[in-house]
Amino acid sequence: MITHHLERNDTIRCFHCGNIVPMKLIGRDVSTWDEGDDYVGVEEWSFYMCPTCKEPTLVCWYWQQKGNEITSDLGRSIAFPDNLFDSRCVPETIRKAFMAAAATKSIDQAVSLIAWRRVLELACKDLGADGKNLYEKITDLSSKNIFPQTLKDASNLIRVLGNDGAHSDDPEPRRVNIANVEALVRYIIEYVYILPQKISDISKANESEDS
């Protein structure tokens, strides 16, 4: 039985920090099923660790083989974390800012807080927010029901923590703040940009089945 990466690491983009690096394979689980005529379907779940940011990535590999020969293209799906780097529904300026923010978190934590705040600022601009500052823009989006109360609260936390990165006397903000701000930014992007696209895709698929 062939296992795709028995003795090597794989070069994968880390969706935590954005780097494309050879990731260390930590563990894997392989399942197979009979597809007839001596063909076997193979699914392998592989758990990796990014050498740059030390965050985990879970990948599903799948292929078909006969005997010791792989007889199909090798498929790959990254199950965790969500891919916000190549999303077709996230505007390019926001996607690039997100990638830049992700790249800074293992380099300079204060700069990282400011960079995540900038992603929020760009999203507010893209959504047509009115206001002289970020607080007013967040409030405006909430009043227009673009941001529900939970996203308004999340956005204000990002704003406050981003300000801490710019003005705090502490030269090294707590790492937990970086992780929390990143998580909140991800939630906002997923809600505002990705979820509507997913709903649209599911709706279109359902209409196709009914027709």
Protein backbone atom coordinates (compact mmCIF):
# COMPACT_ATOMS: atom_id res chain seq x y z
CA MET A 1 0.00 0.00 0.00
CA ILE A 2 1.39 3.40 -1.01
CA THR A 3 1.20 6.28 1.41
CA HIS A 4 1.71 9.63 -0.27
CA HIS A 5 4.27 11.07 2.13
CA LEU A 6 5.86 8.16 3.89
CA GLU A 7 9.32 9.63 4.40
CA ARG A 8 9.20 13.32 3.51
CA ASN A 9 7.75 16.69 4.36
CA ASP A 10 5.36 18.57 2.07
CA THR A 11 5.61 22.16 0.91
CA ILE A 12 2.28 23.77 1.80
CA ARG A 13 1.05 27.32 2.30
CA CYS A 14 0.35 27.91 5.98
CA PHE A 15 -3.01 29.67 6.26
CA HIS A 16 -2.02 30.91 9.71
CA CYS A 17 1.03 32.96 8.69
CA GLY A 18 0.86 32.85 4.89
CA ASN A 19 4.31 31.35 4.35
CA ILE A 20 4.85 28.56 1.82
CA VAL A 21 7.21 26.19 3.59
CA PRO A 22 8.11 22.50 3.91
CA MET A 23 5.93 21.47 6.84
CA LYS A 24 6.85 18.79 9.32
CA LEU A 25 4.49 15.81 9.19
CA ILE A 26 3.39 15.13 12.78
CA GLY A 27 0.95 12.29 12.17
CA ARG A 28 -1.47 10.74 9.71
CA ASP A 29 -4.42 8.39 9.41
CA VAL A 30 -5.09 6.37 6.24
CA SER A 31 -8.33 4.69 5.20
CA THR A 32 -9.03 2.66 2.06
CA TRP A 33 -12.03 1.17 0.27
CA ASP A 34 -12.56 -1.26 -2.60
CA GLU A 35 -13.56 0.38 -5.89
CA GLY A 36 -13.70 -2.85 -7.94
CA ASP A 37 -11.36 -4.40 -10.53
CA ASP A 38 -8.51 -4.34 -8.01
CA TYR A 39 -8.69 -0.55 -7.69
CA VAL A 40 -8.54 0.94 -4.21
CA GLY A 41 -9.61 4.41 -3.06
CA VAL A 42 -7.31 6.00 -0.51
CA GLU A 43 -7.93 8.89 1.88
CA GLU A 44 -5.16 10.18 4.11
CA TRP A 45 -5.56 12.79 6.84
CA SER A 46 -2.20 14.40 7.60
CA PHE A 47 -1.36 16.67 10.51
CA TYR A 48 1.46 19.19 9.94
CA MET A 49 3.30 21.81 11.97
CA CYS A 50 4.46 25.07 10.37
CA PRO A 51 8.15 25.72 11.16
CA THR A 52 7.59 29.49 10.99
CA CYS A 53 4.62 30.13 13.28
CA LYS A 54 4.38 26.68 14.95
CA GLU A 55 0.65 26.47 14.17
CA PRO A 56 -1.07 23.24 12.98
CA THR A 57 -2.51 22.43 9.55
CA LEU A 58 -4.80 19.48 8.78
CA VAL A 59 -4.78 18.21 5.18
CA CYS A 60 -6.86 15.54 3.49
CA TRP A 61 -5.13 13.77 0.59
CA TYR A 62 -7.07 11.40 -1.65
CA TRP A 63 -6.26 9.26 -4.66
CA GLN A 64 -6.89 5.92 -6.38
CA GLN A 65 -4.39 3.15 -6.87
CA LYS A 66 -4.03 -0.35 -8.21
CA GLY A 67 -1.43 -2.53 -6.58
CA ASN A 68 1.52 -0.21 -5.84
CA GLU A 69 0.70 2.23 -8.65
CA ILE A 70 -1.26 5.46 -8.17
CA THR A 71 -3.79 5.58 -11.01
CA SER A 72 -5.40 9.00 -10.46
CA ASP A 73 -4.46 12.59 -9.84
CA LEU A 74 -3.55 13.37 -6.27
CA GLY A 75 -6.28 15.41 -4.60
CA ARG A 76 -5.72 17.71 -1.66
CA SER A 77 -8.04 19.64 0.64
CA ILE A 78 -6.90 21.77 3.57
CA ALA A 79 -9.45 21.16 6.30
CA PHE A 80 -7.90 23.45 8.92
CA PRO A 81 -7.47 26.37 9.17
CA ASP A 82 -9.90 28.09 6.81
CA ASN A 83 -8.25 29.54 3.72
CA LEU A 84 -8.75 33.29 3.68
CA PHE A 85 -5.68 33.92 1.51
CA ASP A 86 -7.05 32.70 -1.82
CA SER A 87 -10.75 33.25 -1.30
CA ARG A 88 -12.49 34.45 -4.45
CA CYS A 89 -15.00 36.42 -2.40
CA VAL A 90 -12.54 38.52 -0.35
CA PRO A 91 -11.49 41.79 -2.06
CA GLU A 92 -7.86 41.82 -3.17
CA THR A 93 -6.81 44.75 -0.97
CA ILE A 94 -8.21 43.04 2.12
CA ARG A 95 -6.75 39.68 1.17
CA LYS A 96 -3.28 41.20 0.77
CA ALA A 97 -3.58 43.09 4.05
CA PHE A 98 -4.65 39.87 5.77
CA MET A 99 -1.61 38.05 4.37
CA ALA A 100 0.68 40.85 5.53
CA ALA A 101 -0.81 40.81 9.03
CA ALA A 102 -0.45 37.04 9.25
CA ALA A 103 3.19 37.28 8.20
CA THR A 104 4.04 39.78 10.96
CA LYS A 105 2.78 37.83 13.96
CA SER A 106 5.93 35.72 14.27
CA ILE A 107 8.20 38.74 13.68
CA ASP A 108 6.91 41.72 15.70
CA GLN A 109 3.84 41.43 17.90
CA ALA A 110 3.21 45.18 18.23
CA VAL A 111 3.35 45.59 14.45
CA SER A 112 1.07 42.57 14.10
CA LEU A 113 -1.64 44.19 16.24
CA ILE A 114 -1.50 47.32 14.08
CA ALA A 115 -1.59 45.21 10.90
CA TRP A 116 -4.71 43.32 12.01
CA ARG A 117 -6.37 46.64 12.84
CA ARG A 118 -5.56 47.80 9.30
CA VAL A 119 -7.43 44.79 7.86
CA LEU A 120 -10.51 45.94 9.76
CA GLU A 121 -10.04 49.51 8.52
CA LEU A 122 -9.87 48.33 4.90
CA ALA A 123 -12.98 46.18 5.37
CA CYS A 124 -14.87 49.16 6.77
CA LYS A 125 -13.80 51.24 3.78
CA ASP A 126 -14.82 48.50 1.34
CA LEU A 127 -18.23 48.23 3.02
CA GLY A 128 -18.84 51.95 2.58
CA ALA A 129 -18.62 52.98 6.22
CA ASP A 130 -19.02 56.65 7.08
CA GLY A 131 -17.10 58.29 9.91
CA LYS A 132 -14.02 60.29 10.78
CA ASN A 133 -12.33 57.45 12.67
CA LEU A 134 -12.54 53.69 13.02
CA TYR A 135 -14.91 53.84 15.99
CA GLU A 136 -17.39 55.94 14.03
CA LYS A 137 -17.08 53.67 11.00
CA ILE A 138 -17.79 50.57 13.08
CA THR A 139 -20.79 52.28 14.66
CA ASP A 140 -22.04 53.33 11.21
CA LEU A 141 -21.85 49.77 9.86
CA SER A 142 -23.73 48.55 12.92
CA SER A 143 -26.46 51.16 12.44
CA LYS A 144 -26.84 49.96 8.84
CA ASN A 145 -27.17 46.34 10.07
CA ILE A 146 -24.06 45.34 8.11
CA PHE A 147 -22.39 44.51 11.41
CA PRO A 148 -24.61 42.78 13.99
CA GLN A 149 -23.95 43.61 17.63
CA THR A 150 -21.47 40.75 18.02
CA LEU A 151 -19.36 41.98 15.10
CA LYS A 152 -19.56 45.54 16.41
CA ASP A 153 -18.19 44.32 19.74
CA ALA A 154 -15.50 42.27 18.01
CA SER A 155 -14.50 45.22 15.81
CA ASN A 156 -14.15 47.52 18.79
CA LEU A 157 -11.92 44.99 20.53
CA ILE A 158 -9.71 44.86 17.43
CA ARG A 159 -9.64 48.67 17.37
CA VAL A 160 -8.65 48.93 21.04
CA LEU A 161 -5.99 46.21 20.88
CA GLY A 162 -4.65 47.66 17.64
CA ASN A 163 -4.29 51.01 19.39
CA ASP A 164 -2.38 49.25 22.17
CA GLY A 165 0.06 47.96 19.57
CA ALA A 166 0.67 51.50 18.33
CA HIS A 167 0.73 53.42 21.62
CA SER A 168 1.43 51.01 24.48
CA ASP A 169 4.60 51.42 26.54
CA ASP A 170 4.90 47.64 26.60
CA PRO A 171 7.49 46.78 23.89
CA GLU A 172 6.14 43.21 23.60
CA PRO A 173 2.34 42.80 23.68
CA ARG A 174 1.02 39.54 25.01
CA ARG A 175 0.94 36.78 22.37
CA VAL A 176 -2.59 35.88 23.44
CA ASN A 177 -3.71 39.32 22.22
CA ILE A 178 -2.31 38.60 18.75
CA ALA A 179 -4.15 35.28 18.56
CA ASN A 180 -7.40 36.82 19.79
CA VAL A 181 -7.28 39.72 17.35
CA GLU A 182 -6.49 37.40 14.45
CA ALA A 183 -9.43 35.17 15.39
CA LEU A 184 -11.79 38.16 15.55
CA VAL A 185 -10.61 39.46 12.16
CA ARG A 186 -11.17 36.02 10.67
CA TYR A 187 -14.71 35.91 12.06
CA ILE A 188 -15.50 39.29 10.55
CA ILE A 189 -14.14 38.40 7.11
CA GLU A 190 -15.96 35.07 7.13
CA TYR A 191 -19.26 36.70 8.13
CA VAL A 192 -19.09 39.67 5.78
CA TYR A 193 -17.50 38.12 2.68
CA ILE A 194 -17.28 34.33 2.79
CA LEU A 195 -20.60 33.31 4.36
CA PRO A 196 -22.73 35.16 1.76
CA GLN A 197 -20.77 33.43 -1.01
CA LYS A 198 -21.25 30.03 0.61
CA ILE A 199 -24.99 30.65 0.99
CA SER A 200 -25.17 31.68 -2.68
CA ASP A 201 -23.27 28.57 -3.80
CA ILE A 202 -25.51 26.24 -1.77
CA SER A 203 -28.63 27.99 -3.06
CA LYS A 204 -27.51 27.66 -6.68
CA ALA A 205 -26.64 23.99 -6.17
CA ASN A 206 -30.06 23.37 -4.67
CA GLU A 207 -31.79 25.13 -7.55
CA SER A 208 -29.83 22.99 -10.03
CA GLU A 209 -30.96 19.80 -8.31
CA ASP A 210 -34.60 20.93 -8.35
CA SER A 211 -34.59 21.90 -12.02
